[in-house]
Amino acid sequence: MATTNPKEARLNFRLPNDLKEVIEEAATAMGQSVSDYAIATLVKSSQAVLQQSQTTVLSNRDRKTFMALLDDSDAKPNRALTEAAKRYNKRSK
């Protein structure tokens, strides 16, 4: 996780007292300040959400179909794929 300037940004939100007490108790149990605990918990949860949203899980059937398509030596790229490859090669030089 890249940071340009530590502790430059802020998040402010309101929550019910009972939830605040639970968070404070958990922070104390972890030996952390509420801020450090909240930051660590939010970052961990955010990373898990991003990982899940950026991962495609295939069934065994779909995985086999996908791999067979990749392995097909007779397959020819269509025009869109050829153009995309040209754009990529142009940008990566």
PDB file of N, CA and C in Angstrom:
ATOM      1  N   MET A   1       0.851  -1.174   0.000  1.00  0.00           N
ATOM      2  CA  MET A   1       0.000   0.000   0.000  1.00  0.00           C
ATOM      3  C   MET A   1       0.896   1.235   0.000  1.00  0.00           C
ATOM      4  N   ALA A   2       0.772   2.059  -1.007  1.00  0.00           N
ATOM      5  CA  ALA A   2       1.607   3.237  -1.156  1.00  0.00           C
ATOM      6  C   ALA A   2       0.967   4.435  -0.450  1.00  0.00           C
ATOM      7  N   THR A   3       1.800   5.164   0.280  1.00  0.00           N
ATOM      8  CA  THR A   3       1.339   6.409   0.896  1.00  0.00           C
ATOM      9  C   THR A   3       2.332   7.495   0.529  1.00  0.00           C
ATOM     10  N   THR A   4       1.812   8.665   0.160  1.00  0.00           N
ATOM     11  CA  THR A   4       2.693   9.753  -0.222  1.00  0.00           C
ATOM     12  C   THR A   4       3.094  10.582   0.985  1.00  0.00           C
ATOM     13  N   ASN A   5       2.160  10.833   1.881  1.00  0.00           N
ATOM     14  CA  ASN A   5       2.434  11.620   3.072  1.00  0.00           C
ATOM     15  C   ASN A   5       1.605  11.039   4.213  1.00  0.00           C
ATOM     16  N   PRO A   6       2.253  10.399   5.173  1.00  0.00           N
ATOM     17  CA  PRO A   6       1.501   9.738   6.245  1.00  0.00           C
ATOM     18  C   PRO A   6       0.559  10.688   6.979  1.00  0.00           C
ATOM     19  N   LYS A   7      -0.600  10.181   7.300  1.00  0.00           N
ATOM     20  CA  LYS A   7      -1.611  10.874   8.102  1.00  0.00           C
ATOM     21  C   LYS A   7      -2.018  12.223   7.525  1.00  0.00           C
ATOM     22  N   GLU A   8      -2.126  12.280   6.205  1.00  0.00           N
ATOM     23  CA  GLU A   8      -2.544  13.501   5.544  1.00  0.00           C
ATOM     24  C   GLU A   8      -4.056  13.526   5.313  1.00  0.00           C
ATOM     25  N   ALA A   9      -4.642  12.361   5.090  1.00  0.00           N
ATOM     26  CA  ALA A   9      -6.064  12.278   4.759  1.00  0.00           C
ATOM     27  C   ALA A   9      -6.886  11.934   6.002  1.00  0.00           C
ATOM     28  N   ARG A  10      -8.181  12.217   5.917  1.00  0.00           N
ATOM     29  CA  ARG A  10      -9.076  11.945   7.040  1.00  0.00           C
ATOM     30  C   ARG A  10     -10.338  11.258   6.549  1.00  0.00           C
ATOM     31  N   LEU A  11     -10.905  10.426   7.425  1.00  0.00           N
ATOM     32  CA  LEU A  11     -12.235   9.864   7.249  1.00  0.00           C
ATOM     33  C   LEU A  11     -13.020  10.219   8.499  1.00  0.00           C
ATOM     34  N   ASN A  12     -14.184  10.768   8.328  1.00  0.00           N
ATOM     35  CA  ASN A  12     -15.041  11.106   9.472  1.00  0.00           C
ATOM     36  C   ASN A  12     -16.397  10.466   9.266  1.00  0.00           C
ATOM     37  N   PHE A  13     -16.907   9.808  10.280  1.00  0.00           N
ATOM     38  CA  PHE A  13     -18.242   9.225  10.199  1.00  0.00           C
ATOM     39  C   PHE A  13     -18.843   9.115  11.589  1.00  0.00           C
ATOM     40  N   ARG A  14     -20.144   9.055  11.625  1.00  0.00           N
ATOM     41  CA  ARG A  14     -20.875   8.898  12.882  1.00  0.00           C
ATOM     42  C   ARG A  14     -21.396   7.479  12.968  1.00  0.00           C
ATOM     43  N   LEU A  15     -21.498   6.982  14.197  1.00  0.00           N
ATOM     44  CA  LEU A  15     -22.016   5.647  14.420  1.00  0.00           C
ATOM     45  C   LEU A  15     -22.695   5.590  15.776  1.00  0.00           C
ATOM     46  N   PRO A  16     -23.566   4.611  15.974  1.00  0.00           N
ATOM     47  CA  PRO A  16     -24.245   4.489  17.261  1.00  0.00           C
ATOM     48  C   PRO A  16     -23.251   4.212  18.395  1.00  0.00           C
ATOM     49  N   ASN A  17     -23.602   4.663  19.585  1.00  0.00           N
ATOM     50  CA  ASN A  17     -22.734   4.493  20.755  1.00  0.00           C
ATOM     51  C   ASN A  17     -22.370   3.038  21.013  1.00  0.00           C
ATOM     52  N   ASP A  18     -23.328   2.131  20.838  1.00  0.00           N
ATOM     53  CA  ASP A  18     -23.032   0.726  21.121  1.00  0.00           C
ATOM     54  C   ASP A  18     -21.968   0.168  20.170  1.00  0.00           C
ATOM     55  N   LEU A  19     -21.988   0.599  18.907  1.00  0.00           N
ATOM     56  CA  LEU A  19     -20.955   0.158  17.969  1.00  0.00           C
ATOM     57  C   LEU A  19     -19.598   0.761  18.317  1.00  0.00           C
ATOM     58  N   LYS A  20     -19.606   2.006  18.740  1.00  0.00           N
ATOM     59  CA  LYS A  20     -18.359   2.662  19.151  1.00  0.00           C
ATOM     60  C   LYS A  20     -17.743   1.929  20.333  1.00  0.00           C
ATOM     61  N   GLU A  21     -18.575   1.513  21.267  1.00  0.00           N
ATOM     62  CA  GLU A  21     -18.078   0.789  22.440  1.00  0.00           C
ATOM     63  C   GLU A  21     -17.471  -0.561  22.039  1.00  0.00           C
ATOM     64  N   VAL A  22     -18.099  -1.234  21.099  1.00  0.00           N
ATOM     65  CA  VAL A  22     -17.562  -2.514  20.617  1.00  0.00           C
ATOM     66  C   VAL A  22     -16.190  -2.292  19.974  1.00  0.00           C
ATOM     67  N   ILE A  23     -16.069  -1.255  19.162  1.00  0.00           N
ATOM     68  CA  ILE A  23     -14.808  -0.943  18.493  1.00  0.00           C
ATOM     69  C   ILE A  23     -13.738  -0.585  19.518  1.00  0.00           C
ATOM     70  N   GLU A  24     -14.092   0.220  20.501  1.00  0.00           N
ATOM     71  CA  GLU A  24     -13.131   0.584  21.547  1.00  0.00           C
ATOM     72  C   GLU A  24     -12.670  -0.639  22.334  1.00  0.00           C
ATOM     73  N   GLU A  25     -13.589  -1.537  22.632  1.00  0.00           N
ATOM     74  CA  GLU A  25     -13.247  -2.755  23.370  1.00  0.00           C
ATOM     75  C   GLU A  25     -12.317  -3.642  22.541  1.00  0.00           C
ATOM     76  N   ALA A  26     -12.609  -3.768  21.244  1.00  0.00           N
ATOM     77  CA  ALA A  26     -11.760  -4.573  20.371  1.00  0.00           C
ATOM     78  C   ALA A  26     -10.365  -3.952  20.233  1.00  0.00           C
ATOM     79  N   ALA A  27     -10.302  -2.642  20.106  1.00  0.00           N
ATOM     80  CA  ALA A  27      -9.011  -1.953  20.012  1.00  0.00           C
ATOM     81  C   ALA A  27      -8.182  -2.195  21.265  1.00  0.00           C
ATOM     82  N   THR A  28      -8.837  -2.097  22.423  1.00  0.00           N
ATOM     83  CA  THR A  28      -8.155  -2.346  23.690  1.00  0.00           C
ATOM     84  C   THR A  28      -7.651  -3.787  23.745  1.00  0.00           C
ATOM     85  N   ALA A  29      -8.478  -4.734  23.313  1.00  0.00           N
ATOM     86  CA  ALA A  29      -8.087  -6.145  23.316  1.00  0.00           C
ATOM     87  C   ALA A  29      -6.874  -6.388  22.417  1.00  0.00           C
ATOM     88  N   MET A  30      -6.757  -5.614  21.351  1.00  0.00           N
ATOM     89  CA  MET A  30      -5.630  -5.753  20.423  1.00  0.00           C
ATOM     90  C   MET A  30      -4.424  -4.910  20.852  1.00  0.00           C
ATOM     91  N   GLY A  31      -4.591  -4.112  21.892  1.00  0.00           N
ATOM     92  CA  GLY A  31      -3.499  -3.256  22.354  1.00  0.00           C
ATOM     93  C   GLY A  31      -3.223  -2.099  21.414  1.00  0.00           C
ATOM     94  N   GLN A  32      -4.268  -1.635  20.742  1.00  0.00           N
ATOM     95  CA  GLN A  32      -4.122  -0.551  19.772  1.00  0.00           C
ATOM     96  C   GLN A  32      -5.010   0.623  20.160  1.00  0.00           C
ATOM     97  N   SER A  33      -4.656   1.784  19.631  1.00  0.00           N
ATOM     98  CA  SER A  33      -5.558   2.918  19.764  1.00  0.00           C
ATOM     99  C   SER A  33      -6.767   2.648  18.875  1.00  0.00           C
ATOM    100  N   VAL A  34      -7.850   3.360  19.145  1.00  0.00           N
ATOM    101  CA  VAL A  34      -9.043   3.192  18.309  1.00  0.00           C
ATOM    102  C   VAL A  34      -8.715   3.564  16.862  1.00  0.00           C
ATOM    103  N   SER A  35      -7.959   4.628  16.665  1.00  0.00           N
ATOM    104  CA  SER A  35      -7.599   5.044  15.306  1.00  0.00           C
ATOM    105  C   SER A  35      -6.784   3.973  14.597  1.00  0.00           C
ATOM    106  N   ASP A  36      -5.751   3.463  15.253  1.00  0.00           N
ATOM    107  CA  ASP A  36      -4.919   2.435  14.629  1.00  0.00           C
ATOM    108  C   ASP A  36      -5.726   1.171  14.339  1.00  0.00           C
ATOM    109  N   TYR A  37      -6.585   0.790  15.280  1.00  0.00           N
ATOM    110  CA  TYR A  37      -7.420  -0.396  15.085  1.00  0.00           C
ATOM    111  C   TYR A  37      -8.385  -0.184  13.916  1.00  0.00           C
ATOM    112  N   ALA A  38      -9.034   0.973  13.875  1.00  0.00           N
ATOM    113  CA  ALA A  38     -10.000   1.254  12.805  1.00  0.00           C
ATOM    114  C   ALA A  38      -9.312   1.270  11.445  1.00  0.00           C
ATOM    115  N   ILE A  39      -8.148   1.891  11.373  1.00  0.00           N
ATOM    116  CA  ILE A  39      -7.422   1.946  10.110  1.00  0.00           C
ATOM    117  C   ILE A  39      -7.035   0.540   9.657  1.00  0.00           C
ATOM    118  N   ALA A  40      -6.449  -0.241  10.549  1.00  0.00           N
ATOM    119  CA  ALA A  40      -6.018  -1.595  10.193  1.00  0.00           C
ATOM    120  C   ALA A  40      -7.206  -2.451   9.744  1.00  0.00           C
ATOM    121  N   THR A  41      -8.313  -2.341  10.446  1.00  0.00           N
ATOM    122  CA  THR A  41      -9.494  -3.139  10.130  1.00  0.00           C
ATOM    123  C   THR A  41     -10.111  -2.702   8.805  1.00  0.00           C
ATOM    124  N   LEU A  42     -10.220  -1.404   8.591  1.00  0.00           N
ATOM    125  CA  LEU A  42     -10.774  -0.905   7.331  1.00  0.00           C
ATOM    126  C   LEU A  42      -9.897  -1.264   6.140  1.00  0.00           C
ATOM    127  N   VAL A  43      -8.598  -1.154   6.292  1.00  0.00           N
ATOM    128  CA  VAL A  43      -7.687  -1.475   5.197  1.00  0.00           C
ATOM    129  C   VAL A  43      -7.767  -2.965   4.870  1.00  0.00           C
ATOM    130  N   LYS A  44      -7.738  -3.812   5.895  1.00  0.00           N
ATOM    131  CA  LYS A  44      -7.818  -5.261   5.670  1.00  0.00           C
ATOM    132  C   LYS A  44      -9.126  -5.634   4.974  1.00  0.00           C
ATOM    133  N   SER A  45     -10.217  -5.079   5.436  1.00  0.00           N
ATOM    134  CA  SER A  45     -11.512  -5.351   4.836  1.00  0.00           C
ATOM    135  C   SER A  45     -11.580  -4.818   3.406  1.00  0.00           C
ATOM    136  N   SER A  46     -11.061  -3.640   3.180  1.00  0.00           N
ATOM    137  CA  SER A  46     -11.064  -3.036   1.844  1.00  0.00           C
ATOM    138  C   SER A  46     -10.238  -3.858   0.868  1.00  0.00           C
ATOM    139  N   GLN A  47      -9.082  -4.343   1.306  1.00  0.00           N
ATOM    140  CA  GLN A  47      -8.248  -5.167   0.444  1.00  0.00           C
ATOM    141  C   GLN A  47      -8.958  -6.473   0.089  1.00  0.00           C
ATOM    142  N   ALA A  48      -9.672  -7.059   1.044  1.00  0.00           N
ATOM    143  CA  ALA A  48     -10.417  -8.292   0.777  1.00  0.00           C
ATOM    144  C   ALA A  48     -11.530  -8.045  -0.236  1.00  0.00           C
ATOM    145  N   VAL A  49     -12.232  -6.934  -0.093  1.00  0.00           N
ATOM    146  CA  VAL A  49     -13.307  -6.594  -1.042  1.00  0.00           C
ATOM    147  C   VAL A  49     -12.735  -6.406  -2.436  1.00  0.00           C
ATOM    148  N   LEU A  50     -11.632  -5.680  -2.536  1.00  0.00           N
ATOM    149  CA  LEU A  50     -11.020  -5.447  -3.850  1.00  0.00           C
ATOM    150  C   LEU A  50     -10.515  -6.743  -4.460  1.00  0.00           C
ATOM    151  N   GLN A  51      -9.896  -7.588  -3.658  1.00  0.00           N
ATOM    152  CA  GLN A  51      -9.415  -8.883  -4.156  1.00  0.00           C
ATOM    153  C   GLN A  51     -10.572  -9.707  -4.705  1.00  0.00           C
ATOM    154  N   GLN A  52     -11.657  -9.740  -3.962  1.00  0.00           N
ATOM    155  CA  GLN A  52     -12.816 -10.517  -4.391  1.00  0.00           C
ATOM    156  C   GLN A  52     -13.444  -9.944  -5.663  1.00  0.00           C
ATOM    157  N   SER A  53     -13.505  -8.625  -5.748  1.00  0.00           N
ATOM    158  CA  SER A  53     -14.149  -8.008  -6.912  1.00  0.00           C
ATOM    159  C   SER A  53     -13.278  -8.086  -8.161  1.00  0.00           C
ATOM    160  N   GLN A  54     -11.972  -8.309  -7.995  1.00  0.00           N
ATOM    161  CA  GLN A  54     -11.061  -8.344  -9.132  1.00  0.00           C
ATOM    162  C   GLN A  54     -10.670  -9.762  -9.532  1.00  0.00           C
ATOM    163  N   THR A  55     -11.304 -10.748  -8.921  1.00  0.00           N
ATOM    164  CA  THR A  55     -10.979 -12.147  -9.196  1.00  0.00           C
ATOM    165  C   THR A  55     -12.175 -12.829  -9.849  1.00  0.00           C
ATOM    166  N   THR A  56     -11.900 -13.564 -10.904  1.00  0.00           N
ATOM    167  CA  THR A  56     -12.935 -14.341 -11.571  1.00  0.00           C
ATOM    168  C   THR A  56     -12.728 -15.801 -11.204  1.00  0.00           C
ATOM    169  N   VAL A  57     -13.760 -16.418 -10.684  1.00  0.00           N
ATOM    170  CA  VAL A  57     -13.688 -17.826 -10.310  1.00  0.00           C
ATOM    171  C   VAL A  57     -14.517 -18.619 -11.311  1.00  0.00           C
ATOM    172  N   LEU A  58     -13.878 -19.605 -11.903  1.00  0.00           N
ATOM    173  CA  LEU A  58     -14.556 -20.431 -12.895  1.00  0.00           C
ATOM    174  C   LEU A  58     -14.884 -21.799 -12.316  1.00  0.00           C
ATOM    175  N   SER A  59     -15.988 -22.349 -12.775  1.00  0.00           N
ATOM    176  CA  SER A  59     -16.296 -23.735 -12.434  1.00  0.00           C
ATOM    177  C   SER A  59     -15.309 -24.624 -13.190  1.00  0.00           C
ATOM    178  N   ASN A  60     -15.207 -25.880 -12.806  1.00  0.00           N
ATOM    179  CA  ASN A  60     -14.314 -26.796 -13.517  1.00  0.00           C
ATOM    180  C   ASN A  60     -14.673 -26.880 -14.997  1.00  0.00           C
ATOM    181  N   ARG A  61     -15.971 -26.919 -15.294  1.00  0.00           N
ATOM    182  CA  ARG A  61     -16.420 -26.985 -16.683  1.00  0.00           C
ATOM    183  C   ARG A  61     -15.965 -25.752 -17.449  1.00  0.00           C
ATOM    184  N   ASP A  62     -16.184 -24.555 -16.863  1.00  0.00           N
ATOM    185  CA  ASP A  62     -15.801 -23.318 -17.539  1.00  0.00           C
ATOM    186  C   ASP A  62     -14.284 -23.194 -17.668  1.00  0.00           C
ATOM    187  N   ARG A  63     -13.557 -23.659 -16.664  1.00  0.00           N
ATOM    188  CA  ARG A  63     -12.095 -23.619 -16.719  1.00  0.00           C
ATOM    189  C   ARG A  63     -11.596 -24.500 -17.870  1.00  0.00           C
ATOM    190  N   LYS A  64     -12.150 -25.694 -17.991  1.00  0.00           N
ATOM    191  CA  LYS A  64     -11.753 -26.593 -19.076  1.00  0.00           C
ATOM    192  C   LYS A  64     -12.064 -25.981 -20.450  1.00  0.00           C
ATOM    193  N   THR A  65     -13.239 -25.367 -20.574  1.00  0.00           N
ATOM    194  CA  THR A  65     -13.611 -24.715 -21.833  1.00  0.00           C
ATOM    195  C   THR A  65     -12.651 -23.571 -22.147  1.00  0.00           C
ATOM    196  N   PHE A  66     -12.360 -22.751 -21.170  1.00  0.00           N
ATOM    197  CA  PHE A  66     -11.457 -21.615 -21.340  1.00  0.00           C
ATOM    198  C   PHE A  66     -10.068 -22.089 -21.752  1.00  0.00           C
ATOM    199  N   MET A  67      -9.548 -23.083 -21.058  1.00  0.00           N
ATOM    200  CA  MET A  67      -8.218 -23.599 -21.370  1.00  0.00           C
ATOM    201  C   MET A  67      -8.185 -24.223 -22.769  1.00  0.00           C
ATOM    202  N   ALA A  68      -9.252 -24.918 -23.149  1.00  0.00           N
ATOM    203  CA  ALA A  68      -9.306 -25.513 -24.484  1.00  0.00           C
ATOM    204  C   ALA A  68      -9.274 -24.424 -25.555  1.00  0.00           C
ATOM    205  N   LEU A  69      -9.978 -23.335 -25.314  1.00  0.00           N
ATOM    206  CA  LEU A  69      -9.960 -22.226 -26.271  1.00  0.00           C
ATOM    207  C   LEU A  69      -8.571 -21.601 -26.376  1.00  0.00           C
ATOM    208  N   LEU A  70      -7.889 -21.477 -25.254  1.00  0.00           N
ATOM    209  CA  LEU A  70      -6.528 -20.928 -25.278  1.00  0.00           C
ATOM    210  C   LEU A  70      -5.566 -21.863 -26.001  1.00  0.00           C
ATOM    211  N   ASP A  71      -5.775 -23.156 -25.844  1.00  0.00           N
ATOM    212  CA  ASP A  71      -4.874 -24.142 -26.440  1.00  0.00           C
ATOM    213  C   ASP A  71      -5.179 -24.438 -27.910  1.00  0.00           C
ATOM    214  N   ASP A  72      -6.267 -23.917 -28.427  1.00  0.00           N
ATOM    215  CA  ASP A  72      -6.677 -24.219 -29.804  1.00  0.00           C
ATOM    216  C   ASP A  72      -5.697 -23.591 -30.790  1.00  0.00           C
ATOM    217  N   SER A  73      -4.885 -24.439 -31.418  1.00  0.00           N
ATOM    218  CA  SER A  73      -3.858 -23.929 -32.345  1.00  0.00           C
ATOM    219  C   SER A  73      -4.449 -23.473 -33.677  1.00  0.00           C
ATOM    220  N   ASP A  74      -5.685 -23.877 -33.966  1.00  0.00           N
ATOM    221  CA  ASP A  74      -6.327 -23.468 -35.214  1.00  0.00           C
ATOM    222  C   ASP A  74      -7.042 -22.115 -35.108  1.00  0.00           C
ATOM    223  N   ALA A  75      -7.146 -21.586 -33.894  1.00  0.00           N
ATOM    224  CA  ALA A  75      -7.874 -20.330 -33.689  1.00  0.00           C
ATOM    225  C   ALA A  75      -7.095 -19.162 -34.288  1.00  0.00           C
ATOM    226  N   LYS A  76      -7.795 -18.294 -34.936  1.00  0.00           N
ATOM    227  CA  LYS A  76      -7.208 -17.099 -35.542  1.00  0.00           C
ATOM    228  C   LYS A  76      -7.771 -15.872 -34.829  1.00  0.00           C
ATOM    229  N   PRO A  77      -6.923 -14.866 -34.565  1.00  0.00           N
ATOM    230  CA  PRO A  77      -7.427 -13.661 -33.902  1.00  0.00           C
ATOM    231  C   PRO A  77      -8.397 -12.906 -34.804  1.00  0.00           C
ATOM    232  N   ASN A  78      -9.463 -12.393 -34.208  1.00  0.00           N
ATOM    233  CA  ASN A  78     -10.402 -11.586 -34.998  1.00  0.00           C
ATOM    234  C   ASN A  78      -9.843 -10.171 -35.147  1.00  0.00           C
ATOM    235  N   ARG A  79     -10.545  -9.348 -35.891  1.00  0.00           N
ATOM    236  CA  ARG A  79     -10.059  -8.000 -36.179  1.00  0.00           C
ATOM    237  C   ARG A  79      -9.904  -7.167 -34.902  1.00  0.00           C
ATOM    238  N   ALA A  80     -10.845  -7.283 -33.989  1.00  0.00           N
ATOM    239  CA  ALA A  80     -10.776  -6.505 -32.744  1.00  0.00           C
ATOM    240  C   ALA A  80      -9.528  -6.877 -31.939  1.00  0.00           C
ATOM    241  N   LEU A  81      -9.222  -8.161 -31.867  1.00  0.00           N
ATOM    242  CA  LEU A  81      -8.041  -8.603 -31.132  1.00  0.00           C
ATOM    243  C   LEU A  81      -6.757  -8.137 -31.818  1.00  0.00           C
ATOM    244  N   THR A  82      -6.731  -8.214 -33.141  1.00  0.00           N
ATOM    245  CA  THR A  82      -5.568  -7.755 -33.893  1.00  0.00           C
ATOM    246  C   THR A  82      -5.333  -6.262 -33.676  1.00  0.00           C
ATOM    247  N   GLU A  83      -6.405  -5.480 -33.717  1.00  0.00           N
ATOM    248  CA  GLU A  83      -6.290  -4.030 -33.490  1.00  0.00           C
ATOM    249  C   GLU A  83      -5.850  -3.730 -32.051  1.00  0.00           C
ATOM    250  N   ALA A  84      -6.379  -4.468 -31.107  1.00  0.00           N
ATOM    251  CA  ALA A  84      -5.988  -4.275 -29.700  1.00  0.00           C
ATOM    252  C   ALA A  84      -4.503  -4.581 -29.524  1.00  0.00           C
ATOM    253  N   ALA A  85      -4.010  -5.622 -30.164  1.00  0.00           N
ATOM    254  CA  ALA A  85      -2.586  -5.967 -30.084  1.00  0.00           C
ATOM    255  C   ALA A  85      -1.728  -4.850 -30.687  1.00  0.00           C
ATOM    256  N   LYS A  86      -2.169  -4.284 -31.794  1.00  0.00           N
ATOM    257  CA  LYS A  86      -1.426  -3.180 -32.418  1.00  0.00           C
ATOM    258  C   LYS A  86      -1.362  -1.975 -31.489  1.00  0.00           C
ATOM    259  N   ARG A  87      -2.515  -1.642 -30.859  1.00  0.00           N
ATOM    260  CA  ARG A  87      -2.539  -0.507 -29.917  1.00  0.00           C
ATOM    261  C   ARG A  87      -1.622  -0.773 -28.731  1.00  0.00           C
ATOM    262  N   TYR A  88      -1.649  -1.976 -28.229  1.00  0.00           N
ATOM    263  CA  TYR A  88      -0.796  -2.335 -27.091  1.00  0.00           C
ATOM    264  C   TYR A  88       0.674  -2.209 -27.477  1.00  0.00           C
ATOM    265  N   ASN A  89       1.034  -2.761 -28.610  1.00  0.00           N
ATOM    266  CA  ASN A  89       2.432  -2.712 -29.045  1.00  0.00           C
ATOM    267  C   ASN A  89       2.891  -1.275 -29.277  1.00  0.00           C
ATOM    268  N   LYS A  90       2.022  -0.426 -29.793  1.00  0.00           N
ATOM    269  CA  LYS A  90       2.351   0.967 -30.032  1.00  0.00           C
ATOM    270  C   LYS A  90       2.622   1.700 -28.700  1.00  0.00           C
ATOM    271  N   ARG A  91       1.786   1.412 -27.684  1.00  0.00           N
ATOM    272  CA  ARG A  91       1.925   2.066 -26.373  1.00  0.00           C
ATOM    273  C   ARG A  91       3.108   1.560 -25.578  1.00  0.00           C
ATOM    274  N   SER A  92       3.467   0.305 -25.761  1.00  0.00           N
ATOM    275  CA  SER A  92       4.526  -0.276 -24.941  1.00  0.00           C
ATOM    276  C   SER A  92       5.925  -0.031 -25.488  1.00  0.00           C
ATOM    277  N   LYS A  93       6.024   0.685 -26.594  1.00  0.00           N
ATOM    278  CA  LYS A  93       7.361   0.992 -27.160  1.00  0.00           C
ATOM    279  C   LYS A  93       7.907   2.260 -26.585  1.00  0.00           C
TER     280      LYS A  93
END
